[in-house]
Amino acid sequence: DSSKKVYFTKQTVGNACGTVGVIHAIGNAASDIKLVEGSYFDRFYKQTADMDPVQRAVFLEEDDEMEGAHSVAATAGDTD
């Protein structure tokens, strides 16, 4: 089943479409890129690899490290 090979998470966090897009892009390129061992994304994908899209969304909602990074990026932009 090819859908099991696609990394996908539901977007349940408001104003996070770019963040979720990056998560999808990196997650679906993981076999082609080498994540730095112990980096945020390395840990994130290892922790969520066996979760379904809803479980990943809950994990992301509760992830303080991503929330902090997302807040900094969201307030630094100039989107109206």
N, C-alpha and C. Protein backbone atom coordinates (compact mmCIF):
# COMPACT_ATOMS: atom_id res chain seq x y z
N ASP A 1 0.85 -1.19 0.00
CA ASP A 1 0.00 0.00 0.00
C ASP A 1 0.89 1.24 0.00
N SER A 2 0.83 2.03 -1.06
CA SER A 2 1.70 3.21 -1.19
C SER A 2 1.35 4.30 -0.19
N SER A 3 0.10 4.35 0.30
CA SER A 3 -0.26 5.40 1.26
C SER A 3 0.50 5.25 2.57
N LYS A 4 0.97 4.07 2.89
CA LYS A 4 1.75 3.87 4.11
C LYS A 4 3.16 4.43 3.96
N LYS A 5 3.60 4.66 2.72
CA LYS A 5 4.93 5.20 2.47
C LYS A 5 4.93 6.72 2.46
N VAL A 6 3.76 7.32 2.38
CA VAL A 6 3.65 8.78 2.35
C VAL A 6 3.58 9.30 3.78
N TYR A 7 4.47 10.25 4.12
CA TYR A 7 4.44 10.85 5.45
C TYR A 7 3.42 11.98 5.41
N PHE A 8 2.42 11.89 6.26
CA PHE A 8 1.34 12.87 6.28
C PHE A 8 0.88 13.10 7.71
N THR A 9 0.61 14.36 8.03
CA THR A 9 0.00 14.69 9.31
C THR A 9 -1.16 15.64 9.05
N LYS A 10 -2.19 15.52 9.83
CA LYS A 10 -3.30 16.47 9.75
C LYS A 10 -2.82 17.82 10.26
N GLN A 11 -3.38 18.89 9.71
CA GLN A 11 -3.06 20.23 10.21
C GLN A 11 -4.16 20.65 11.17
N THR A 12 -3.85 20.65 12.44
CA THR A 12 -4.81 21.05 13.46
C THR A 12 -4.37 22.32 14.18
N VAL A 13 -3.15 22.77 13.92
CA VAL A 13 -2.62 23.99 14.51
C VAL A 13 -2.92 25.14 13.55
N GLY A 14 -3.52 26.20 14.06
CA GLY A 14 -3.85 27.35 13.22
C GLY A 14 -2.63 28.05 12.66
N ASN A 15 -2.77 28.59 11.46
CA ASN A 15 -1.70 29.35 10.79
C ASN A 15 -0.40 28.58 10.68
N ALA A 16 -0.50 27.28 10.47
CA ALA A 16 0.71 26.45 10.40
C ALA A 16 0.85 25.73 9.06
N CYS A 17 0.20 26.24 8.01
CA CYS A 17 0.24 25.53 6.74
C CYS A 17 1.67 25.43 6.20
N GLY A 18 2.47 26.47 6.36
CA GLY A 18 3.86 26.41 5.91
C GLY A 18 4.67 25.41 6.72
N THR A 19 4.47 25.42 8.03
CA THR A 19 5.17 24.49 8.91
C THR A 19 4.81 23.05 8.56
N VAL A 20 3.53 22.79 8.37
CA VAL A 20 3.07 21.44 8.03
C VAL A 20 3.60 21.05 6.66
N GLY A 21 3.66 22.00 5.73
CA GLY A 21 4.23 21.73 4.41
C GLY A 21 5.69 21.31 4.51
N VAL A 22 6.46 21.98 5.34
CA VAL A 22 7.86 21.62 5.55
C VAL A 22 7.96 20.23 6.17
N ILE A 23 7.11 19.95 7.14
CA ILE A 23 7.11 18.63 7.78
C ILE A 23 6.81 17.54 6.74
N HIS A 24 5.84 17.79 5.87
CA HIS A 24 5.52 16.82 4.81
C HIS A 24 6.69 16.66 3.84
N ALA A 25 7.28 17.78 3.42
CA ALA A 25 8.38 17.73 2.45
C ALA A 25 9.57 16.94 2.99
N ILE A 26 9.98 17.26 4.20
CA ILE A 26 11.12 16.56 4.79
C ILE A 26 10.77 15.10 5.06
N GLY A 27 9.59 14.86 5.59
CA GLY A 27 9.19 13.49 5.90
C GLY A 27 9.13 12.60 4.68
N ASN A 28 8.74 13.16 3.54
CA ASN A 28 8.64 12.37 2.32
C ASN A 28 9.95 12.31 1.54
N ALA A 29 10.94 13.06 1.97
CA ALA A 29 12.26 13.01 1.35
C ALA A 29 13.28 12.34 2.26
N ALA A 30 12.83 11.82 3.38
CA ALA A 30 13.74 11.28 4.40
C ALA A 30 14.66 10.19 3.85
N SER A 31 14.19 9.41 2.89
CA SER A 31 15.05 8.36 2.34
C SER A 31 16.11 8.94 1.41
N ASP A 32 15.94 10.17 0.96
CA ASP A 32 16.88 10.80 0.04
C ASP A 32 17.81 11.81 0.70
N ILE A 33 17.51 12.18 1.92
CA ILE A 33 18.35 13.15 2.63
C ILE A 33 18.80 12.55 3.95
N LYS A 34 19.88 13.06 4.49
CA LYS A 34 20.39 12.58 5.77
C LYS A 34 20.13 13.66 6.81
N LEU A 35 19.24 13.36 7.73
CA LEU A 35 18.99 14.30 8.83
C LEU A 35 20.12 14.19 9.84
N VAL A 36 20.48 15.29 10.44
CA VAL A 36 21.53 15.29 11.45
C VAL A 36 21.04 14.49 12.65
N GLU A 37 21.81 13.49 13.03
CA GLU A 37 21.46 12.64 14.16
C GLU A 37 21.23 13.49 15.41
N GLY A 38 20.08 13.31 16.03
CA GLY A 38 19.75 14.03 17.25
C GLY A 38 19.14 15.41 17.02
N SER A 39 19.06 15.84 15.75
CA SER A 39 18.45 17.14 15.45
C SER A 39 16.95 17.08 15.71
N TYR A 40 16.33 18.25 15.71
CA TYR A 40 14.89 18.28 15.96
C TYR A 40 14.14 17.37 15.00
N PHE A 41 14.38 17.53 13.69
CA PHE A 41 13.63 16.74 12.72
C PHE A 41 13.96 15.26 12.80
N ASP A 42 15.20 14.91 13.08
CA ASP A 42 15.56 13.51 13.28
C ASP A 42 14.74 12.91 14.42
N ARG A 43 14.68 13.61 15.53
CA ARG A 43 13.91 13.12 16.68
C ARG A 43 12.42 13.08 16.36
N PHE A 44 11.92 14.13 15.71
CA PHE A 44 10.50 14.23 15.39
C PHE A 44 10.05 13.05 14.53
N TYR A 45 10.78 12.77 13.45
CA TYR A 45 10.37 11.70 12.54
C TYR A 45 10.53 10.32 13.18
N LYS A 46 11.54 10.14 14.00
CA LYS A 46 11.69 8.86 14.69
C LYS A 46 10.53 8.64 15.66
N GLN A 47 10.13 9.70 16.36
CA GLN A 47 9.05 9.57 17.34
C GLN A 47 7.69 9.38 16.70
N THR A 48 7.49 9.89 15.48
CA THR A 48 6.17 9.86 14.86
C THR A 48 6.06 8.86 13.71
N ALA A 49 7.12 8.13 13.43
CA ALA A 49 7.15 7.23 12.26
C ALA A 49 6.00 6.24 12.24
N ASP A 50 5.65 5.67 13.36
CA ASP A 50 4.61 4.64 13.39
C ASP A 50 3.24 5.18 13.77
N MET A 51 3.10 6.50 13.82
CA MET A 51 1.81 7.11 14.15
C MET A 51 0.98 7.32 12.88
N ASP A 52 -0.33 7.39 13.07
CA ASP A 52 -1.20 7.75 11.94
C ASP A 52 -1.28 9.28 11.88
N PRO A 53 -1.87 9.85 10.81
CA PRO A 53 -1.90 11.31 10.67
C PRO A 53 -2.55 12.07 11.83
N VAL A 54 -3.55 11.50 12.45
CA VAL A 54 -4.20 12.17 13.58
C VAL A 54 -3.29 12.15 14.80
N GLN A 55 -2.64 11.03 15.06
CA GLN A 55 -1.71 10.95 16.18
C GLN A 55 -0.54 11.91 15.99
N ARG A 56 -0.06 12.04 14.76
CA ARG A 56 1.02 12.98 14.48
C ARG A 56 0.58 14.41 14.75
N ALA A 57 -0.66 14.73 14.39
CA ALA A 57 -1.19 16.07 14.64
C ALA A 57 -1.23 16.37 16.13
N VAL A 58 -1.67 15.42 16.92
CA VAL A 58 -1.71 15.60 18.38
C VAL A 58 -0.29 15.78 18.91
N PHE A 59 0.64 14.97 18.42
CA PHE A 59 2.03 15.09 18.84
C PHE A 59 2.55 16.49 18.53
N LEU A 60 2.26 16.98 17.32
CA LEU A 60 2.71 18.31 16.91
C LEU A 60 2.07 19.40 17.77
N GLU A 61 0.79 19.26 18.08
CA GLU A 61 0.10 20.23 18.94
C GLU A 61 0.77 20.36 20.30
N GLU A 62 1.29 19.25 20.80
CA GLU A 62 1.87 19.21 22.15
C GLU A 62 3.37 19.45 22.17
N ASP A 63 3.97 19.69 21.01
CA ASP A 63 5.41 19.83 20.88
C ASP A 63 5.83 21.28 21.16
N ASP A 64 6.34 21.52 22.36
CA ASP A 64 6.73 22.87 22.77
C ASP A 64 7.87 23.44 21.93
N GLU A 65 8.80 22.59 21.52
CA GLU A 65 9.94 23.06 20.73
C GLU A 65 9.47 23.60 19.37
N MET A 66 8.58 22.88 18.72
CA MET A 66 8.06 23.34 17.43
C MET A 66 7.18 24.57 17.61
N GLU A 67 6.41 24.59 18.68
CA GLU A 67 5.55 25.75 18.93
C GLU A 67 6.38 27.02 19.07
N GLY A 68 7.48 26.92 19.79
CA GLY A 68 8.35 28.08 19.96
C GLY A 68 8.95 28.53 18.65
N ALA A 69 9.45 27.59 17.86
CA ALA A 69 10.06 27.93 16.57
C ALA A 69 9.02 28.49 15.61
N HIS A 70 7.83 27.91 15.62
CA HIS A 70 6.76 28.39 14.75
C HIS A 70 6.34 29.80 15.14
N SER A 71 6.23 30.07 16.42
CA SER A 71 5.83 31.40 16.89
C SER A 71 6.84 32.46 16.47
N VAL A 72 8.12 32.15 16.59
CA VAL A 72 9.17 33.09 16.19
C VAL A 72 9.07 33.36 14.68
N ALA A 73 8.94 32.30 13.90
CA ALA A 73 8.87 32.46 12.44
C ALA A 73 7.60 33.19 12.02
N ALA A 74 6.49 32.88 12.66
CA ALA A 74 5.21 33.48 12.28
C ALA A 74 5.18 34.98 12.59
N THR A 75 5.79 35.39 13.67
CA THR A 75 5.78 36.80 14.03
C THR A 75 6.86 37.59 13.28
N ALA A 76 7.84 36.89 12.72
CA ALA A 76 8.91 37.56 11.98
C ALA A 76 8.50 37.87 10.55
N GLY A 77 7.48 37.19 10.04
CA GLY A 77 7.05 37.39 8.66
C GLY A 77 6.31 38.69 8.48
N ASP A 78 6.02 39.00 7.21
CA ASP A 78 5.30 40.24 6.95
C ASP A 78 3.99 40.00 6.21
N THR A 79 3.41 38.83 6.45
CA THR A 79 2.10 38.52 5.88
C THR A 79 1.03 39.28 6.66
N ASP A 80 0.11 39.89 5.96
CA ASP A 80 -0.96 40.65 6.62
C ASP A 80 -2.15 39.77 6.90
